[in-house]
Amino acid sequence: MKDAQFKPVTVESLHSSKLRNIGSVAEAAEFLSSDWPGERGRIYLLARMACNEAMEGHASPAMARSVFVQATMEADIYVENTTWVR
């Protein structure tokens, strides 16, 4: 389940000011660990744990996506209503 896909989440990468689609648990985990732009609070930590659990097969990709979206909303980098594909 390491590379489990989910409905893409579009975020604004504050490092490059570009939009980025995150479409898998592995991409979300990588973004959280390498490209996270802001404070790393409670929801951020929950998102990291949810992605790790999903990659180990102990949680669903949908659950990891849900917590990831909450974290991106808290960090104010979530981009709503996008339909572009990478």
N, C-alpha and C. Protein backbone atom coordinates (compact mmCIF):
# COMPACT_ATOMS: atom_id res chain seq x y z
N MET A 1 0.82 -1.20 0.00
CA MET A 1 0.00 0.00 0.00
C MET A 1 0.86 1.26 0.00
N LYS A 2 2.15 1.11 -0.13
CA LYS A 2 3.04 2.26 -0.02
C LYS A 2 2.71 3.36 -1.02
N ASP A 3 2.32 3.01 -2.23
CA ASP A 3 2.03 4.02 -3.24
C ASP A 3 0.54 4.06 -3.57
N ALA A 4 -0.31 3.91 -2.56
CA ALA A 4 -1.75 3.93 -2.77
C ALA A 4 -2.20 5.29 -3.28
N GLN A 5 -2.97 5.26 -4.33
CA GLN A 5 -3.46 6.50 -4.95
C GLN A 5 -4.72 6.98 -4.25
N PHE A 6 -4.96 8.29 -4.33
CA PHE A 6 -6.22 8.87 -3.89
C PHE A 6 -6.56 10.06 -4.77
N LYS A 7 -7.79 10.55 -4.64
CA LYS A 7 -8.21 11.71 -5.43
C LYS A 7 -7.24 12.85 -5.16
N PRO A 8 -6.66 13.44 -6.22
CA PRO A 8 -5.62 14.46 -6.01
C PRO A 8 -6.09 15.64 -5.16
N VAL A 9 -5.16 16.11 -4.36
CA VAL A 9 -5.34 17.29 -3.54
C VAL A 9 -4.39 18.34 -4.10
N THR A 10 -4.91 19.52 -4.40
CA THR A 10 -4.08 20.57 -4.94
C THR A 10 -3.65 21.51 -3.82
N VAL A 11 -2.35 21.75 -3.76
CA VAL A 11 -1.79 22.64 -2.74
C VAL A 11 -0.94 23.70 -3.43
N GLU A 12 -0.74 24.79 -2.73
CA GLU A 12 0.17 25.82 -3.23
C GLU A 12 1.50 25.62 -2.55
N SER A 13 2.50 25.37 -3.36
CA SER A 13 3.85 25.20 -2.82
C SER A 13 4.42 26.59 -2.55
N LEU A 14 4.55 26.93 -1.30
CA LEU A 14 5.01 28.27 -0.95
C LEU A 14 6.48 28.49 -1.29
N HIS A 15 7.22 27.41 -1.45
CA HIS A 15 8.63 27.55 -1.80
C HIS A 15 8.79 28.02 -3.25
N SER A 16 7.91 27.56 -4.13
CA SER A 16 8.02 27.93 -5.53
C SER A 16 6.82 28.73 -6.03
N SER A 17 5.84 28.97 -5.17
CA SER A 17 4.61 29.70 -5.52
C SER A 17 3.87 29.06 -6.69
N LYS A 18 3.96 27.76 -6.81
CA LYS A 18 3.27 27.03 -7.86
C LYS A 18 2.27 26.08 -7.23
N LEU A 19 1.26 25.69 -8.04
CA LEU A 19 0.31 24.69 -7.59
C LEU A 19 0.89 23.31 -7.81
N ARG A 20 0.52 22.42 -6.93
CA ARG A 20 1.02 21.05 -7.02
C ARG A 20 -0.10 20.09 -6.66
N ASN A 21 -0.26 19.05 -7.47
CA ASN A 21 -1.22 18.00 -7.18
C ASN A 21 -0.53 16.90 -6.40
N ILE A 22 -1.17 16.48 -5.30
CA ILE A 22 -0.69 15.37 -4.50
C ILE A 22 -1.72 14.26 -4.69
N GLY A 23 -1.32 13.14 -5.31
CA GLY A 23 -2.27 12.11 -5.68
C GLY A 23 -2.04 10.74 -5.08
N SER A 24 -1.16 10.65 -4.10
CA SER A 24 -0.93 9.35 -3.46
C SER A 24 -0.46 9.55 -2.03
N VAL A 25 -0.56 8.49 -1.28
CA VAL A 25 -0.10 8.52 0.11
C VAL A 25 1.39 8.83 0.16
N ALA A 26 2.17 8.22 -0.72
CA ALA A 26 3.61 8.44 -0.73
C ALA A 26 3.95 9.90 -1.06
N GLU A 27 3.22 10.49 -2.02
CA GLU A 27 3.45 11.91 -2.35
C GLU A 27 3.09 12.81 -1.17
N ALA A 28 2.00 12.50 -0.50
CA ALA A 28 1.59 13.29 0.66
C ALA A 28 2.65 13.21 1.76
N ALA A 29 3.14 12.01 2.02
CA ALA A 29 4.18 11.82 3.05
C ALA A 29 5.44 12.59 2.69
N GLU A 30 5.83 12.54 1.43
CA GLU A 30 7.02 13.26 0.97
C GLU A 30 6.82 14.77 1.12
N PHE A 31 5.65 15.26 0.74
CA PHE A 31 5.36 16.69 0.85
C PHE A 31 5.40 17.12 2.32
N LEU A 32 4.81 16.32 3.18
CA LEU A 32 4.80 16.65 4.60
C LEU A 32 6.21 16.70 5.18
N SER A 33 7.08 15.81 4.75
CA SER A 33 8.42 15.77 5.33
C SER A 33 9.41 16.72 4.66
N SER A 34 9.22 17.01 3.37
CA SER A 34 10.23 17.80 2.65
C SER A 34 9.80 19.21 2.26
N ASP A 35 8.52 19.38 1.94
CA ASP A 35 8.09 20.66 1.37
C ASP A 35 7.09 21.42 2.23
N TRP A 36 6.85 20.97 3.44
CA TRP A 36 5.85 21.62 4.27
C TRP A 36 6.28 23.06 4.57
N PRO A 37 5.40 24.01 4.29
CA PRO A 37 5.80 25.41 4.35
C PRO A 37 5.72 26.08 5.72
N GLY A 38 4.97 25.54 6.61
CA GLY A 38 4.73 26.31 7.83
C GLY A 38 4.92 25.54 9.10
N GLU A 39 4.17 25.99 10.08
CA GLU A 39 4.24 25.40 11.40
C GLU A 39 3.82 23.93 11.37
N ARG A 40 4.40 23.19 12.24
CA ARG A 40 4.11 21.75 12.30
C ARG A 40 3.38 21.44 13.60
N GLY A 41 2.09 21.71 13.55
CA GLY A 41 1.26 21.54 14.73
C GLY A 41 0.65 20.15 14.83
N ARG A 42 -0.40 20.05 15.62
CA ARG A 42 -1.05 18.78 15.92
C ARG A 42 -1.61 18.11 14.68
N ILE A 43 -2.31 18.86 13.82
CA ILE A 43 -2.91 18.24 12.64
C ILE A 43 -1.83 17.81 11.65
N TYR A 44 -0.76 18.58 11.55
CA TYR A 44 0.37 18.18 10.71
C TYR A 44 0.91 16.82 11.19
N LEU A 45 1.10 16.68 12.50
CA LEU A 45 1.62 15.43 13.05
C LEU A 45 0.64 14.27 12.81
N LEU A 46 -0.66 14.55 12.93
CA LEU A 46 -1.67 13.52 12.65
C LEU A 46 -1.61 13.10 11.18
N ALA A 47 -1.39 14.05 10.29
CA ALA A 47 -1.29 13.74 8.85
C ALA A 47 -0.07 12.87 8.58
N ARG A 48 1.05 13.17 9.20
CA ARG A 48 2.25 12.33 9.03
C ARG A 48 1.98 10.91 9.51
N MET A 49 1.34 10.79 10.68
CA MET A 49 1.04 9.47 11.23
C MET A 49 0.05 8.73 10.33
N ALA A 50 -0.97 9.43 9.81
CA ALA A 50 -1.97 8.80 8.95
C ALA A 50 -1.32 8.28 7.67
N CYS A 51 -0.42 9.06 7.09
CA CYS A 51 0.28 8.61 5.87
C CYS A 51 1.14 7.39 6.17
N ASN A 52 1.85 7.43 7.27
CA ASN A 52 2.69 6.28 7.64
C ASN A 52 1.84 5.03 7.86
N GLU A 53 0.72 5.18 8.55
CA GLU A 53 -0.18 4.05 8.80
C GLU A 53 -0.72 3.50 7.48
N ALA A 54 -1.09 4.39 6.56
CA ALA A 54 -1.61 3.95 5.26
C ALA A 54 -0.54 3.23 4.45
N MET A 55 0.70 3.72 4.49
CA MET A 55 1.77 3.07 3.74
C MET A 55 2.08 1.69 4.31
N GLU A 56 1.83 1.49 5.59
CA GLU A 56 2.05 0.19 6.22
C GLU A 56 0.83 -0.72 6.12
N GLY A 57 -0.26 -0.21 5.53
CA GLY A 57 -1.46 -1.01 5.35
C GLY A 57 -2.38 -1.05 6.55
N HIS A 58 -2.15 -0.18 7.53
CA HIS A 58 -2.96 -0.16 8.74
C HIS A 58 -4.07 0.89 8.71
N ALA A 59 -4.10 1.69 7.65
CA ALA A 59 -5.13 2.72 7.49
C ALA A 59 -5.42 2.85 6.00
N SER A 60 -6.56 3.40 5.68
CA SER A 60 -6.93 3.53 4.27
C SER A 60 -6.32 4.80 3.65
N PRO A 61 -6.10 4.76 2.34
CA PRO A 61 -5.64 5.96 1.66
C PRO A 61 -6.63 7.12 1.82
N ALA A 62 -7.92 6.82 1.86
CA ALA A 62 -8.94 7.86 2.01
C ALA A 62 -8.80 8.56 3.36
N MET A 63 -8.50 7.80 4.40
CA MET A 63 -8.32 8.41 5.71
C MET A 63 -7.08 9.29 5.72
N ALA A 64 -5.99 8.81 5.12
CA ALA A 64 -4.76 9.61 5.05
C ALA A 64 -5.02 10.89 4.27
N ARG A 65 -5.76 10.78 3.17
CA ARG A 65 -6.08 11.97 2.37
C ARG A 65 -6.87 12.97 3.18
N SER A 66 -7.86 12.49 3.92
CA SER A 66 -8.71 13.36 4.71
C SER A 66 -7.90 14.17 5.74
N VAL A 67 -7.01 13.51 6.45
CA VAL A 67 -6.20 14.20 7.45
C VAL A 67 -5.20 15.13 6.76
N PHE A 68 -4.66 14.70 5.62
CA PHE A 68 -3.75 15.56 4.85
C PHE A 68 -4.45 16.84 4.42
N VAL A 69 -5.69 16.73 3.94
CA VAL A 69 -6.46 17.91 3.53
C VAL A 69 -6.65 18.84 4.73
N GLN A 70 -6.99 18.29 5.88
CA GLN A 70 -7.16 19.11 7.08
C GLN A 70 -5.88 19.88 7.41
N ALA A 71 -4.74 19.20 7.29
CA ALA A 71 -3.46 19.85 7.57
C ALA A 71 -3.17 20.96 6.57
N THR A 72 -3.46 20.71 5.29
CA THR A 72 -3.20 21.75 4.28
C THR A 72 -4.13 22.95 4.48
N MET A 73 -5.34 22.69 4.92
CA MET A 73 -6.27 23.79 5.20
C MET A 73 -5.77 24.62 6.39
N GLU A 74 -5.30 23.93 7.42
CA GLU A 74 -4.77 24.64 8.58
C GLU A 74 -3.56 25.50 8.21
N ALA A 75 -2.73 24.99 7.28
CA ALA A 75 -1.54 25.72 6.85
C ALA A 75 -1.85 26.77 5.78
N ASP A 76 -3.11 26.84 5.37
CA ASP A 76 -3.57 27.80 4.36
C ASP A 76 -2.88 27.61 3.01
N ILE A 77 -2.68 26.34 2.63
CA ILE A 77 -2.09 26.06 1.32
C ILE A 77 -3.00 25.19 0.46
N TYR A 78 -4.19 24.86 0.99
CA TYR A 78 -5.15 24.04 0.25
C TYR A 78 -5.78 24.89 -0.84
N VAL A 79 -5.84 24.35 -2.06
CA VAL A 79 -6.45 25.05 -3.18
C VAL A 79 -7.74 24.32 -3.52
N GLU A 80 -8.85 25.01 -3.36
CA GLU A 80 -10.16 24.40 -3.54
C GLU A 80 -10.61 24.49 -5.00
N ASN A 81 -11.44 23.55 -5.40
CA ASN A 81 -12.12 23.57 -6.70
C ASN A 81 -11.18 23.62 -7.89
N THR A 82 -10.15 22.83 -7.88
CA THR A 82 -9.28 22.76 -9.04
C THR A 82 -9.56 21.46 -9.80
N THR A 83 -9.35 21.50 -11.10
CA THR A 83 -9.59 20.31 -11.90
C THR A 83 -8.41 19.99 -12.81
N TRP A 84 -7.31 20.66 -12.65
CA TRP A 84 -6.18 20.41 -13.53
C TRP A 84 -5.48 19.11 -13.15
N VAL A 85 -4.82 18.55 -14.12
CA VAL A 85 -4.10 17.30 -13.94
C VAL A 85 -2.64 17.56 -14.28
N ARG A 86 -1.72 16.90 -13.55
CA ARG A 86 -0.31 17.14 -13.83
C ARG A 86 0.10 16.59 -15.15
